Amino acid sequence: LYSLKTALVNHNKQSKEKIIIEIFLTDDGCTDGTVEAARNIFPN
């Protein structure tokens, strides 16, 4: 997810065509804090 965010920022800085994303993440029974970590990266 960090690499996705970095790649998105990099592309939108360099390209006239801006990419708008929405992420659909299946939390298939995570118990290790994955969801909380994901929300820290993409808080919106």
PDB file of all heavy atoms in Angstrom:
ATOM      1  N   LEU A   1       0.822  -1.212   0.000  1.00  0.00           N
ATOM      2  CA  LEU A   1       0.000   0.000   0.000  1.00  0.00           C
ATOM      3  C   LEU A   1       0.859   1.266   0.000  1.00  0.00           C
ATOM      4  O   LEU A   1       0.515   2.250  -0.659  1.00  0.00           O
ATOM      5  CB  LEU A   1      -0.944  -0.010   1.198  1.00  0.00           C
ATOM      6  CG  LEU A   1      -2.062  -1.070   1.140  1.00  0.00           C
ATOM      7  CD1 LEU A   1      -2.848  -1.086   2.440  1.00  0.00           C
ATOM      8  CD2 LEU A   1      -2.982  -0.827  -0.050  1.00  0.00           C
ATOM      9  N   TYR A   2       1.976   1.247   0.730  1.00  0.00           N
ATOM     10  CA  TYR A   2       2.895   2.388   0.693  1.00  0.00           C
ATOM     11  C   TYR A   2       3.423   2.600  -0.725  1.00  0.00           C
ATOM     12  O   TYR A   2       3.499   3.727  -1.221  1.00  0.00           O
ATOM     13  CB  TYR A   2       4.077   2.174   1.643  1.00  0.00           C
ATOM     14  CG  TYR A   2       3.866   2.732   3.035  1.00  0.00           C
ATOM     15  CD1 TYR A   2       4.000   1.933   4.152  1.00  0.00           C
ATOM     16  CD2 TYR A   2       3.556   4.091   3.227  1.00  0.00           C
ATOM     17  CE1 TYR A   2       3.817   2.426   5.436  1.00  0.00           C
ATOM     18  CE2 TYR A   2       3.373   4.602   4.514  1.00  0.00           C
ATOM     19  CZ  TYR A   2       3.502   3.766   5.609  1.00  0.00           C
ATOM     20  OH  TYR A   2       3.317   4.271   6.876  1.00  0.00           O
ATOM     21  N   SER A   3       3.799   1.500  -1.372  1.00  0.00           N
ATOM     22  CA  SER A   3       4.340   1.618  -2.730  1.00  0.00           C
ATOM     23  C   SER A   3       3.270   2.098  -3.704  1.00  0.00           C
ATOM     24  O   SER A   3       3.567   2.842  -4.650  1.00  0.00           O
ATOM     25  CB  SER A   3       4.938   0.282  -3.189  1.00  0.00           C
ATOM     26  OG  SER A   3       3.935  -0.701  -3.423  1.00  0.00           O
ATOM     27  N   LEU A   4       2.033   1.689  -3.493  1.00  0.00           N
ATOM     28  CA  LEU A   4       0.920   2.171  -4.319  1.00  0.00           C
ATOM     29  C   LEU A   4       0.761   3.677  -4.165  1.00  0.00           C
ATOM     30  O   LEU A   4       0.611   4.406  -5.160  1.00  0.00           O
ATOM     31  CB  LEU A   4      -0.368   1.446  -3.911  1.00  0.00           C
ATOM     32  CG  LEU A   4      -1.678   1.982  -4.503  1.00  0.00           C
ATOM     33  CD1 LEU A   4      -1.690   1.822  -6.026  1.00  0.00           C
ATOM     34  CD2 LEU A   4      -2.877   1.245  -3.884  1.00  0.00           C
ATOM     35  N   LYS A   5       0.783   4.140  -2.943  1.00  0.00           N
ATOM     36  CA  LYS A   5       0.614   5.571  -2.677  1.00  0.00           C
ATOM     37  C   LYS A   5       1.751   6.374  -3.304  1.00  0.00           C
ATOM     38  O   LYS A   5       1.525   7.417  -3.940  1.00  0.00           O
ATOM     39  CB  LYS A   5       0.567   5.815  -1.171  1.00  0.00           C
ATOM     40  CG  LYS A   5       0.196   7.231  -0.769  1.00  0.00           C
ATOM     41  CD  LYS A   5      -0.015   7.320   0.732  1.00  0.00           C
ATOM     42  CE  LYS A   5      -0.554   8.684   1.137  1.00  0.00           C
ATOM     43  NZ  LYS A   5      -0.839   8.748   2.609  1.00  0.00           N
ATOM     44  N   THR A   6       2.970   5.876  -3.158  1.00  0.00           N
ATOM     45  CA  THR A   6       4.138   6.563  -3.716  1.00  0.00           C
ATOM     46  C   THR A   6       4.069   6.609  -5.238  1.00  0.00           C
ATOM     47  O   THR A   6       4.352   7.636  -5.859  1.00  0.00           O
ATOM     48  CB  THR A   6       5.431   5.855  -3.270  1.00  0.00           C
ATOM     49  OG1 THR A   6       5.493   5.836  -1.840  1.00  0.00           O
ATOM     50  CG2 THR A   6       6.663   6.567  -3.816  1.00  0.00           C
ATOM     51  N   ALA A   7       3.701   5.471  -5.846  1.00  0.00           N
ATOM     52  CA  ALA A   7       3.604   5.411  -7.308  1.00  0.00           C
ATOM     53  C   ALA A   7       2.531   6.350  -7.828  1.00  0.00           C
ATOM     54  O   ALA A   7       2.696   6.993  -8.879  1.00  0.00           O
ATOM     55  CB  ALA A   7       3.322   3.977  -7.748  1.00  0.00           C
ATOM     56  N   LEU A   8       1.418   6.440  -7.103  1.00  0.00           N
ATOM     57  CA  LEU A   8       0.323   7.322  -7.516  1.00  0.00           C
ATOM     58  C   LEU A   8       0.759   8.785  -7.483  1.00  0.00           C
ATOM     59  O   LEU A   8       0.527   9.539  -8.434  1.00  0.00           O
ATOM     60  CB  LEU A   8      -0.879   7.110  -6.595  1.00  0.00           C
ATOM     61  CG  LEU A   8      -2.099   7.984  -6.881  1.00  0.00           C
ATOM     62  CD1 LEU A   8      -2.714   7.621  -8.224  1.00  0.00           C
ATOM     63  CD2 LEU A   8      -3.131   7.847  -5.756  1.00  0.00           C
ATOM     64  N   VAL A   9       1.391   9.189  -6.384  1.00  0.00           N
ATOM     65  CA  VAL A   9       1.879  10.573  -6.258  1.00  0.00           C
ATOM     66  C   VAL A   9       2.891  10.872  -7.355  1.00  0.00           C
ATOM     67  O   VAL A   9       2.849  11.934  -7.993  1.00  0.00           O
ATOM     68  CB  VAL A   9       2.501  10.800  -4.860  1.00  0.00           C
ATOM     69  CG1 VAL A   9       3.207  12.147  -4.807  1.00  0.00           C
ATOM     70  CG2 VAL A   9       1.435  10.706  -3.776  1.00  0.00           C
ATOM     71  N   ASN A  10       3.792   9.932  -7.603  1.00  0.00           N
ATOM     72  CA  ASN A  10       4.819  10.119  -8.628  1.00  0.00           C
ATOM     73  C   ASN A  10       4.192  10.299 -10.007  1.00  0.00           C
ATOM     74  O   ASN A  10       4.570  11.193 -10.768  1.00  0.00           O
ATOM     75  CB  ASN A  10       5.762   8.920  -8.631  1.00  0.00           C
ATOM     76  CG  ASN A  10       6.855   9.024  -9.671  1.00  0.00           C
ATOM     77  OD1 ASN A  10       7.819   9.762  -9.500  1.00  0.00           O
ATOM     78  ND2 ASN A  10       6.709   8.279 -10.751  1.00  0.00           N
ATOM     79  N   HIS A  11       3.217   9.448 -10.332  1.00  0.00           N
ATOM     80  CA  HIS A  11       2.570   9.545 -11.643  1.00  0.00           C
ATOM     81  C   HIS A  11       1.846  10.878 -11.804  1.00  0.00           C
ATOM     82  O   HIS A  11       1.966  11.533 -12.856  1.00  0.00           O
ATOM     83  CB  HIS A  11       1.579   8.398 -11.837  1.00  0.00           C
ATOM     84  CG  HIS A  11       0.843   8.469 -13.134  1.00  0.00           C
ATOM     85  ND1 HIS A  11       1.306   7.897 -14.298  1.00  0.00           N
ATOM     86  CD2 HIS A  11      -0.342   9.079 -13.473  1.00  0.00           C
ATOM     87  CE1 HIS A  11       0.470   8.144 -15.282  1.00  0.00           C
ATOM     88  NE2 HIS A  11      -0.549   8.853 -14.812  1.00  0.00           N
ATOM     89  N   ASN A  12       1.100  11.268 -10.805  1.00  0.00           N
ATOM     90  CA  ASN A  12       0.286  12.480 -10.924  1.00  0.00           C
ATOM     91  C   ASN A  12       1.122  13.758 -10.952  1.00  0.00           C
ATOM     92  O   ASN A  12       0.663  14.796 -11.432  1.00  0.00           O
ATOM     93  CB  ASN A  12      -0.748  12.530  -9.800  1.00  0.00           C
ATOM     94  CG  ASN A  12      -1.891  11.551 -10.040  1.00  0.00           C
ATOM     95  OD1 ASN A  12      -2.077  11.052 -11.155  1.00  0.00           O
ATOM     96  ND2 ASN A  12      -2.652  11.262  -9.001  1.00  0.00           N
ATOM     97  N   LYS A  13       2.348  13.684 -10.452  1.00  0.00           N
ATOM     98  CA  LYS A  13       3.256  14.822 -10.554  1.00  0.00           C
ATOM     99  C   LYS A  13       3.794  14.976 -11.969  1.00  0.00           C
ATOM    100  O   LYS A  13       4.061  16.084 -12.428  1.00  0.00           O
ATOM    101  CB  LYS A  13       4.426  14.646  -9.581  1.00  0.00           C
ATOM    102  CG  LYS A  13       4.121  14.998  -8.139  1.00  0.00           C
ATOM    103  CD  LYS A  13       5.373  14.839  -7.281  1.00  0.00           C
ATOM    104  CE  LYS A  13       5.092  15.234  -5.834  1.00  0.00           C
ATOM    105  NZ  LYS A  13       6.304  15.048  -4.975  1.00  0.00           N
ATOM    106  N   GLN A  14       3.943  13.839 -12.665  1.00  0.00           N
ATOM    107  CA  GLN A  14       4.626  13.854 -13.954  1.00  0.00           C
ATOM    108  C   GLN A  14       3.696  13.808 -15.163  1.00  0.00           C
ATOM    109  O   GLN A  14       4.117  14.129 -16.270  1.00  0.00           O
ATOM    110  CB  GLN A  14       5.595  12.656 -14.027  1.00  0.00           C
ATOM    111  CG  GLN A  14       6.689  12.694 -12.980  1.00  0.00           C
ATOM    112  CD  GLN A  14       7.674  11.540 -13.119  1.00  0.00           C
ATOM    113  OE1 GLN A  14       7.644  10.813 -14.105  1.00  0.00           O
ATOM    114  NE2 GLN A  14       8.544  11.377 -12.130  1.00  0.00           N
ATOM    115  N   SER A  15       2.459  13.382 -14.964  1.00  0.00           N
ATOM    116  CA  SER A  15       1.560  13.172 -16.097  1.00  0.00           C
ATOM    117  C   SER A  15       0.436  14.201 -16.129  1.00  0.00           C
ATOM    118  O   SER A  15      -0.064  14.637 -15.081  1.00  0.00           O
ATOM    119  CB  SER A  15       0.964  11.762 -16.022  1.00  0.00           C
ATOM    120  OG  SER A  15       0.036  11.556 -17.059  1.00  0.00           O
ATOM    121  N   LYS A  16       0.040  14.567 -17.351  1.00  0.00           N
ATOM    122  CA  LYS A  16      -1.107  15.461 -17.499  1.00  0.00           C
ATOM    123  C   LYS A  16      -2.414  14.743 -17.160  1.00  0.00           C
ATOM    124  O   LYS A  16      -3.367  15.352 -16.691  1.00  0.00           O
ATOM    125  CB  LYS A  16      -1.169  15.993 -18.935  1.00  0.00           C
ATOM    126  CG  LYS A  16      -0.026  16.928 -19.288  1.00  0.00           C
ATOM    127  CD  LYS A  16      -0.154  17.431 -20.719  1.00  0.00           C
ATOM    128  CE  LYS A  16       0.988  18.381 -21.068  1.00  0.00           C
ATOM    129  NZ  LYS A  16       0.895  18.867 -22.474  1.00  0.00           N
ATOM    130  N   GLU A  17      -2.442  13.423 -17.438  1.00  0.00           N
ATOM    131  CA  GLU A  17      -3.620  12.618 -17.098  1.00  0.00           C
ATOM    132  C   GLU A  17      -3.503  12.155 -15.654  1.00  0.00           C
ATOM    133  O   GLU A  17      -2.656  11.330 -15.329  1.00  0.00           O
ATOM    134  CB  GLU A  17      -3.732  11.402 -18.028  1.00  0.00           C
ATOM    135  CG  GLU A  17      -4.116  11.737 -19.453  1.00  0.00           C
ATOM    136  CD  GLU A  17      -4.326  10.488 -20.281  1.00  0.00           C
ATOM    137  OE1 GLU A  17      -3.571   9.523 -20.108  1.00  0.00           O
ATOM    138  OE2 GLU A  17      -5.247  10.483 -21.112  1.00  0.00           O
ATOM    139  N   LYS A  18      -4.315  12.703 -14.803  1.00  0.00           N
ATOM    140  CA  LYS A  18      -4.253  12.355 -13.387  1.00  0.00           C
ATOM    141  C   LYS A  18      -5.035  11.068 -13.119  1.00  0.00           C
ATOM    142  O   LYS A  18      -6.099  10.833 -13.701  1.00  0.00           O
ATOM    143  CB  LYS A  18      -4.836  13.481 -12.527  1.00  0.00           C
ATOM    144  CG  LYS A  18      -4.185  14.835 -12.767  1.00  0.00           C
ATOM    145  CD  LYS A  18      -2.679  14.802 -12.566  1.00  0.00           C
ATOM    146  CE  LYS A  18      -2.061  16.175 -12.824  1.00  0.00           C
ATOM    147  NZ  LYS A  18      -0.585  16.130 -12.778  1.00  0.00           N
ATOM    148  N   ILE A  19      -4.502  10.249 -12.238  1.00  0.00           N
ATOM    149  CA  ILE A  19      -5.166   9.005 -11.850  1.00  0.00           C
ATOM    150  C   ILE A  19      -5.862   9.215 -10.516  1.00  0.00           C
ATOM    151  O   ILE A  19      -5.265   9.700  -9.552  1.00  0.00           O
ATOM    152  CB  ILE A  19      -4.148   7.846 -11.752  1.00  0.00           C
ATOM    153  CG1 ILE A  19      -3.617   7.493 -13.143  1.00  0.00           C
ATOM    154  CG2 ILE A  19      -4.788   6.622 -11.093  1.00  0.00           C
ATOM    155  CD1 ILE A  19      -2.536   6.442 -13.132  1.00  0.00           C
ATOM    156  N   ILE A  20      -7.122   8.865 -10.484  1.00  0.00           N
ATOM    157  CA  ILE A  20      -7.919   8.900  -9.260  1.00  0.00           C
ATOM    158  C   ILE A  20      -8.215   7.454  -8.859  1.00  0.00           C
ATOM    159  O   ILE A  20      -8.734   6.685  -9.677  1.00  0.00           O
ATOM    160  CB  ILE A  20      -9.262   9.647  -9.468  1.00  0.00           C
ATOM    161  CG1 ILE A  20      -9.026  11.015 -10.121  1.00  0.00           C
ATOM    162  CG2 ILE A  20     -10.019   9.767  -8.154  1.00  0.00           C
ATOM    163  CD1 ILE A  20      -8.188  11.957  -9.297  1.00  0.00           C
ATOM    164  N   ILE A  21      -7.874   7.074  -7.638  1.00  0.00           N
ATOM    165  CA  ILE A  21      -8.085   5.687  -7.224  1.00  0.00           C
ATOM    166  C   ILE A  21      -9.045   5.595  -6.046  1.00  0.00           C
ATOM    167  O   ILE A  21      -9.207   6.539  -5.262  1.00  0.00           O
ATOM    168  CB  ILE A  21      -6.760   4.983  -6.836  1.00  0.00           C
ATOM    169  CG1 ILE A  21      -6.171   5.586  -5.547  1.00  0.00           C
ATOM    170  CG2 ILE A  21      -5.758   5.021  -7.976  1.00  0.00           C
ATOM    171  CD1 ILE A  21      -5.061   4.763  -4.934  1.00  0.00           C
ATOM    172  N   GLU A  22      -9.696   4.458  -5.976  1.00  0.00           N
ATOM    173  CA  GLU A  22     -10.361   4.016  -4.757  1.00  0.00           C
ATOM    174  C   GLU A  22      -9.919   2.579  -4.531  1.00  0.00           C
ATOM    175  O   GLU A  22      -9.846   1.791  -5.482  1.00  0.00           O
ATOM    176  CB  GLU A  22     -11.885   4.115  -4.864  1.00  0.00           C
ATOM    177  CG  GLU A  22     -12.397   5.548  -4.863  1.00  0.00           C
ATOM    178  CD  GLU A  22     -13.924   5.620  -4.832  1.00  0.00           C
ATOM    179  OE1 GLU A  22     -14.554   4.752  -4.173  1.00  0.00           O
ATOM    180  OE2 GLU A  22     -14.483   6.534  -5.473  1.00  0.00           O
ATOM    181  N   ILE A  23      -9.619   2.256  -3.295  1.00  0.00           N
ATOM    182  CA  ILE A  23      -9.084   0.941  -2.959  1.00  0.00           C
ATOM    183  C   ILE A  23     -10.181   0.113  -2.289  1.00  0.00           C
ATOM    184  O   ILE A  23     -10.835   0.566  -1.338  1.00  0.00           O
ATOM    185  CB  ILE A  23      -7.883   1.060  -2.000  1.00  0.00           C
ATOM    186  CG1 ILE A  23      -6.794   1.950  -2.622  1.00  0.00           C
ATOM    187  CG2 ILE A  23      -7.318  -0.319  -1.656  1.00  0.00           C
ATOM    188  CD1 ILE A  23      -5.759   2.415  -1.620  1.00  0.00           C
ATOM    189  N   PHE A  24     -10.345  -1.106  -2.792  1.00  0.00           N
ATOM    190  CA  PHE A  24     -11.296  -2.051  -2.207  1.00  0.00           C
ATOM    191  C   PHE A  24     -10.477  -3.223  -1.667  1.00  0.00           C
ATOM    192  O   PHE A  24      -9.951  -4.035  -2.424  1.00  0.00           O
ATOM    193  CB  PHE A  24     -12.308  -2.504  -3.259  1.00  0.00           C
ATOM    194  CG  PHE A  24     -13.166  -1.383  -3.768  1.00  0.00           C
ATOM    195  CD1 PHE A  24     -12.722  -0.556  -4.792  1.00  0.00           C
ATOM    196  CD2 PHE A  24     -14.405  -1.120  -3.198  1.00  0.00           C
ATOM    197  CE1 PHE A  24     -13.500   0.500  -5.249  1.00  0.00           C
ATOM    198  CE2 PHE A  24     -15.194  -0.067  -3.643  1.00  0.00           C
ATOM    199  CZ  PHE A  24     -14.742   0.750  -4.675  1.00  0.00           C
ATOM    200  N   LEU A  25     -10.349  -3.252  -0.347  1.00  0.00           N
ATOM    201  CA  LEU A  25      -9.479  -4.212   0.323  1.00  0.00           C
ATOM    202  C   LEU A  25     -10.312  -5.220   1.113  1.00  0.00           C
ATOM    203  O   LEU A  25     -11.040  -4.840   2.041  1.00  0.00           O
ATOM    204  CB  LEU A  25      -8.526  -3.486   1.270  1.00  0.00           C
ATOM    205  CG  LEU A  25      -7.606  -4.338   2.138  1.00  0.00           C
ATOM    206  CD1 LEU A  25      -6.627  -5.148   1.289  1.00  0.00           C
ATOM    207  CD2 LEU A  25      -6.846  -3.467   3.143  1.00  0.00           C
ATOM    208  N   THR A  26     -10.223  -6.479   0.723  1.00  0.00           N
ATOM    209  CA  THR A  26     -10.907  -7.533   1.472  1.00  0.00           C
ATOM    210  C   THR A  26     -10.071  -7.913   2.682  1.00  0.00           C
ATOM    211  O   THR A  26      -8.943  -8.386   2.547  1.00  0.00           O
ATOM    212  CB  THR A  26     -11.131  -8.784   0.602  1.00  0.00           C
ATOM    213  OG1 THR A  26     -11.962  -8.442  -0.508  1.00  0.00           O
ATOM    214  CG2 THR A  26     -11.815  -9.884   1.411  1.00  0.00           C
ATOM    215  N   ASP A  27     -10.625  -7.675   3.846  1.00  0.00           N
ATOM    216  CA  ASP A  27     -10.016  -8.113   5.103  1.00  0.00           C
ATOM    217  C   ASP A  27     -10.595  -9.489   5.406  1.00  0.00           C
ATOM    218  O   ASP A  27     -11.674  -9.605   5.966  1.00  0.00           O
ATOM    219  CB  ASP A  27     -10.355  -7.104   6.213  1.00  0.00           C
ATOM    220  CG  ASP A  27     -10.179  -7.691   7.613  1.00  0.00           C
ATOM    221  OD1 ASP A  27      -9.353  -8.608   7.783  1.00  0.00           O
ATOM    222  OD2 ASP A  27     -10.902  -7.233   8.534  1.00  0.00           O
ATOM    223  N   ASP A  28      -9.852 -10.523   5.017  1.00  0.00           N
ATOM    224  CA  ASP A  28     -10.370 -11.881   5.177  1.00  0.00           C
ATOM    225  C   ASP A  28      -9.977 -12.442   6.542  1.00  0.00           C
ATOM    226  O   ASP A  28      -9.185 -13.380   6.655  1.00  0.00           O
ATOM    227  CB  ASP A  28      -9.863 -12.788   4.055  1.00  0.00           C
ATOM    228  CG  ASP A  28     -10.656 -14.091   3.969  1.00  0.00           C
ATOM    229  OD1 ASP A  28     -11.817 -14.113   4.446  1.00  0.00           O
ATOM    230  OD2 ASP A  28     -10.130 -15.073   3.423  1.00  0.00           O
ATOM    231  N   GLY A  29     -10.528 -11.834   7.584  1.00  0.00           N
ATOM    232  CA  GLY A  29     -10.316 -12.333   8.949  1.00  0.00           C
ATOM    233  C   GLY A  29      -8.978 -11.974   9.540  1.00  0.00           C
ATOM    234  O   GLY A  29      -8.422 -12.743  10.345  1.00  0.00           O
ATOM    235  N   CYS A  30      -8.427 -10.812   9.200  1.00  0.00           N
ATOM    236  CA  CYS A  30      -7.129 -10.410   9.753  1.00  0.00           C
ATOM    237  C   CYS A  30      -7.228 -10.157  11.259  1.00  0.00           C
ATOM    238  O   CYS A  30      -8.179  -9.541  11.739  1.00  0.00           O
ATOM    239  CB  CYS A  30      -6.624  -9.139   9.070  1.00  0.00           C
ATOM    240  SG  CYS A  30      -6.153  -9.355   7.350  1.00  0.00           S
ATOM    241  N   THR A  31      -6.204 -10.626  11.977  1.00  0.00           N
ATOM    242  CA  THR A  31      -6.139 -10.404  13.428  1.00  0.00           C
ATOM    243  C   THR A  31      -4.815  -9.774  13.831  1.00  0.00           C
ATOM    244  O   THR A  31      -4.509  -9.681  15.024  1.00  0.00           O
ATOM    245  CB  THR A  31      -6.305 -11.738  14.177  1.00  0.00           C
ATOM    246  OG1 THR A  31      -5.289 -12.659  13.756  1.00  0.00           O
ATOM    247  CG2 THR A  31      -7.678 -12.346  13.938  1.00  0.00           C
ATOM    248  N   ASP A  32      -4.022  -9.340  12.841  1.00  0.00           N
ATOM    249  CA  ASP A  32      -2.665  -8.863  13.124  1.00  0.00           C
ATOM    250  C   ASP A  32      -2.508  -7.357  12.962  1.00  0.00           C
ATOM    251  O   ASP A  32      -1.391  -6.849  12.907  1.00  0.00           O
ATOM    252  CB  ASP A  32      -1.652  -9.583  12.221  1.00  0.00           C
ATOM    253  CG  ASP A  32      -1.843  -9.248  10.741  1.00  0.00           C
ATOM    254  OD1 ASP A  32      -2.919  -8.690  10.389  1.00  0.00           O
ATOM    255  OD2 ASP A  32      -0.935  -9.535   9.945  1.00  0.00           O
ATOM    256  N   GLY A  33      -3.612  -6.633  12.870  1.00  0.00           N
ATOM    257  CA  GLY A  33      -3.538  -5.184  12.740  1.00  0.00           C
ATOM    258  C   GLY A  33      -3.384  -4.683  11.319  1.00  0.00           C
ATOM    259  O   GLY A  33      -3.107  -3.495  11.106  1.00  0.00           O
ATOM    260  N   THR A  34      -3.579  -5.558  10.335  1.00  0.00           N
ATOM    261  CA  THR A  34      -3.424  -5.145   8.935  1.00  0.00           C
ATOM    262  C   THR A  34      -4.381  -4.007   8.574  1.00  0.00           C
ATOM    263  O   THR A  34      -3.993  -3.042   7.914  1.00  0.00           O
ATOM    264  CB  THR A  34      -3.667  -6.341   7.991  1.00  0.00           C
ATOM    265  OG1 THR A  34      -2.683  -7.345   8.233  1.00  0.00           O
ATOM    266  CG2 THR A  34      -3.587  -5.911   6.538  1.00  0.00           C
ATOM    267  N   VAL A  35      -5.620  -4.126   9.000  1.00  0.00           N
ATOM    268  CA  VAL A  35      -6.630  -3.113   8.644  1.00  0.00           C
ATOM    269  C   VAL A  35      -6.260  -1.752   9.215  1.00  0.00           C
ATOM    270  O   VAL A  35      -6.341  -0.728   8.525  1.00  0.00           O
ATOM    271  CB  VAL A  35      -8.025  -3.555   9.143  1.00  0.00           C
ATOM    272  CG1 VAL A  35      -9.026  -2.427   8.971  1.00  0.00           C
ATOM    273  CG2 VAL A  35      -8.483  -4.794   8.384  1.00  0.00           C
ATOM    274  N   GLU A  36      -5.846  -1.732  10.470  1.00  0.00           N
ATOM    275  CA  GLU A  36      -5.460  -0.465  11.100  1.00  0.00           C
ATOM    276  C   GLU A  36      -4.260   0.151  10.385  1.00  0.00           C
ATOM    277  O   GLU A  36      -4.200   1.373  10.178  1.00  0.00           O
ATOM    278  CB  GLU A  36      -5.134  -0.691  12.581  1.00  0.00           C
ATOM    279  CG  GLU A  36      -6.326  -1.065  13.443  1.00  0.00           C
ATOM    280  CD  GLU A  36      -6.805  -2.506  13.242  1.00  0.00           C
ATOM    281  OE1 GLU A  36      -6.054  -3.305  12.640  1.00  0.00           O
ATOM    282  OE2 GLU A  36      -7.924  -2.813  13.691  1.00  0.00           O
ATOM    283  N   ALA A  37      -3.309  -0.696   9.999  1.00  0.00           N
ATOM    284  CA  ALA A  37      -2.129  -0.204   9.278  1.00  0.00           C
ATOM    285  C   ALA A  37      -2.522   0.374   7.924  1.00  0.00           C
ATOM    286  O   ALA A  37      -1.996   1.403   7.494  1.00  0.00           O
ATOM    287  CB  ALA A  37      -1.113  -1.331   9.109  1.00  0.00           C
ATOM    288  N   ALA A  38      -3.463  -0.279   7.249  1.00  0.00           N
ATOM    289  CA  ALA A  38      -3.929   0.204   5.947  1.00  0.00           C
ATOM    290  C   ALA A  38      -4.603   1.565   6.090  1.00  0.00           C
ATOM    291  O   ALA A  38      -4.396   2.467   5.263  1.00  0.00           O
ATOM    292  CB  ALA A  38      -4.888  -0.803   5.331  1.00  0.00           C
ATOM    293  N   ARG A  39      -5.384   1.725   7.131  1.00  0.00           N
ATOM    294  CA  ARG A  39      -6.089   2.998   7.357  1.00  0.00           C
ATOM    295  C   ARG A  39      -5.113   4.119   7.693  1.00  0.00           C
ATOM    296  O   ARG A  39      -5.396   5.298   7.421  1.00  0.00           O
ATOM    297  CB  ARG A  39      -7.124   2.835   8.467  1.00  0.00           C
ATOM    298  CG  ARG A  39      -8.357   2.044   8.024  1.00  0.00           C
ATOM    299  CD  ARG A  39      -9.461   2.112   9.051  1.00  0.00           C
ATOM    300  NE  ARG A  39     -10.677   1.461   8.583  1.00  0.00           N
ATOM    301  CZ  ARG A  39     -11.304   0.478   9.241  1.00  0.00           C
ATOM    302  NH1 ARG A  39     -10.822   0.035  10.399  1.00  0.00           N
ATOM    303  NH2 ARG A  39     -12.410  -0.056   8.745  1.00  0.00           N
ATOM    304  N   ASN A  40      -3.979   3.784   8.285  1.00  0.00           N
ATOM    305  CA  ASN A  40      -2.969   4.798   8.568  1.00  0.00           C
ATOM    306  C   ASN A  40      -2.341   5.325   7.277  1.00  0.00           C
ATOM    307  O   ASN A  40      -1.937   6.489   7.199  1.00  0.00           O
ATOM    308  CB  ASN A  40      -1.871   4.227   9.472  1.00  0.00           C
ATOM    309  CG  ASN A  40      -2.330   4.077  10.913  1.00  0.00           C
ATOM    310  OD1 ASN A  40      -3.228   4.794  11.358  1.00  0.00           O
ATOM    311  ND2 ASN A  40      -1.728   3.156  11.635  1.00  0.00           N
ATOM    312  N   ILE A  41      -2.251   4.462   6.276  1.00  0.00           N
ATOM    313  CA  ILE A  41      -1.660   4.864   4.997  1.00  0.00           C
ATOM    314  C   ILE A  41      -2.663   5.637   4.158  1.00  0.00           C
ATOM    315  O   ILE A  41      -2.324   6.641   3.532  1.00  0.00           O
ATOM    316  CB  ILE A  41      -1.163   3.622   4.226  1.00  0.00           C
ATOM    317  CG1 ILE A  41      -0.125   2.873   5.056  1.00  0.00           C
ATOM    318  CG2 ILE A  41      -0.570   4.022   2.874  1.00  0.00           C
ATOM    319  CD1 ILE A  41       0.211   1.495   4.515  1.00  0.00           C
ATOM    320  N   PHE A  42      -3.907   5.171   4.141  1.00  0.00           N
ATOM    321  CA  PHE A  42      -4.986   5.829   3.394  1.00  0.00           C
ATOM    322  C   PHE A  42      -6.113   6.164   4.373  1.00  0.00           C
ATOM    323  O   PHE A  42      -7.107   5.435   4.466  1.00  0.00           O
ATOM    324  CB  PHE A  42      -5.493   4.925   2.271  1.00  0.00           C
ATOM    325  CG  PHE A  42      -4.534   4.726   1.136  1.00  0.00           C
ATOM    326  CD1 PHE A  42      -3.735   3.594   1.072  1.00  0.00           C
ATOM    327  CD2 PHE A  42      -4.420   5.686   0.132  1.00  0.00           C
ATOM    328  CE1 PHE A  42      -2.850   3.415   0.019  1.00  0.00           C
ATOM    329  CE2 PHE A  42      -3.532   5.507  -0.923  1.00  0.00           C
ATOM    330  CZ  PHE A  42      -2.738   4.371  -0.978  1.00  0.00           C
ATOM    331  N   PRO A  43      -5.969   7.263   5.113  1.00  0.00           N
ATOM    332  CA  PRO A  43      -6.957   7.592   6.157  1.00  0.00           C
ATOM    333  C   PRO A  43      -8.299   8.066   5.621  1.00  0.00           C
ATOM    334  O   PRO A  43      -9.292   8.058   6.355  1.00  0.00           O
ATOM    335  CB  PRO A  43      -6.260   8.697   6.957  1.00  0.00           C
ATOM    336  CG  PRO A  43      -5.279   9.299   6.003  1.00  0.00           C
ATOM    337  CD  PRO A  43      -4.831   8.188   5.110  1.00  0.00           C
ATOM    338  N   ASN A  44      -8.348   8.467   4.371  1.00  0.00           N
ATOM    339  CA  ASN A  44      -9.592   8.978   3.794  1.00  0.00           C
ATOM    340  C   ASN A  44     -10.544   7.815   3.522  1.00  0.00           C
ATOM    341  O   ASN A  44     -10.262   6.946   2.699  1.00  0.00           O
ATOM    342  CB  ASN A  44      -9.294   9.742   2.500  1.00  0.00           C
ATOM    343  CG  ASN A  44     -10.508  10.490   1.985  1.00  0.00           C
ATOM    344  OD1 ASN A  44     -11.642  10.088   2.207  1.00  0.00           O
ATOM    345  ND2 ASN A  44     -10.264  11.596   1.282  1.00  0.00           N
TER     346      ASN A  44
END
